[in-house]
């Protein structure tokens, strides 16, 4: 409720689209009226419930065709499914490169797959961390690491936008460097999709995964998705876990014992998608397509730039911004550090209705989201933060 709070936490959980409730209620009525026949009846037959979202999400990620996309599972599950296919270590190439400060689930995925192949993190993990007490990892540092370990690297696994600092990596340059040595590049889009325009096909990214509950606003724990570049669709050497949903509609219901996989990313589907989360995703994606991701990006640049300007002008003696100041190296999020007790500061602004995110007790992540946040929200947040700091600072 805008009258009760200032919600700046879309980087953790997006807001509820009004039409999502309508769509969910409609599916309850289909279930009530038709039962199992809902798979083939109603406005959104359940047997093809994911298909509208393929078309809607395509411009957000920059896929060439819908067959590069699958709507399925949750993010961590999809990470693991993609690693089964794209991380195939050999005696010479077995290492994985990752940001040292990547989201914990990305680290869990990497370590579990190293373990599956009887490798330890000391053998197979290359972590890239900021140098010189900086918070930002330069593209040069990533490319130099790829050059240095090119003979032993099997996979580069990065978040497009670094969840902790808000840094937007130079993905085209990183992909080009890795592909010089035939090294796969996989991306976690959790903090990028719906935040910035993406061009996965054009960038020649091998595969990507994402969640849909942050900037895509489809609800906590909602359905995820994957991208697999078209160049890999004819590669029959990939190892995949199989299920009945990775087939055409006709083949699914033929109940054959041998899977006949669909072409492209949807071959990785295992089970039928849950109906209610999928229609919540569709509801949100329709709004994105009505607004236009490029339009949202233009507003986002102005909105975050306004936040940055206010913080520098009024609160620079209290607050430092660790997110890059170059608009091409960040999305909507600014990550803030304070020179006093950040947890007490967070507690004070929360009392006054500010909803934002605190990580590791050191960084406050502020995400003015262009789809629903306003310039007034940004002004009010800075005003509340200023009041709390100036009135309470001696006690913090």
Foldseek 3Di string as FASTA:
>chain_A
DVVFFQEQALLPFDAFDPCLVVQLVQVVVLCVPPNPCQCPDDPQRLVCNQVLVLVLQCQLAAAPHSQQKDWFDFFLVVLLQVCLFQQDFDPFAHAEEEAPQADVSVVVSVQVVCVVVVHHCVGHYHHFQDPPPARDGAPVSLLVVCVVRLRHHAEYEYECQGSQQQWGHPLLVNCVSNVVSPHAYEYEDASPRLFARHNCQVSVHQKYKYGCGRNLPLDPRFIIMMGGHLVCQVPPPTDGDAALQQAPSVSSVVPDPDDDGDTHPSNRHHDRHDNSSSSSSSSSSVLCVVCDNVNQQVQLLVLLVLLVVLCVVQPPVFKDWSHDPPSVTGTNKTKIFGPDQVVVLVVQVVVSRYDWDDPPSGITIGGQGSSDHDSVSSVVSSVSSNCCCVVCVVVD
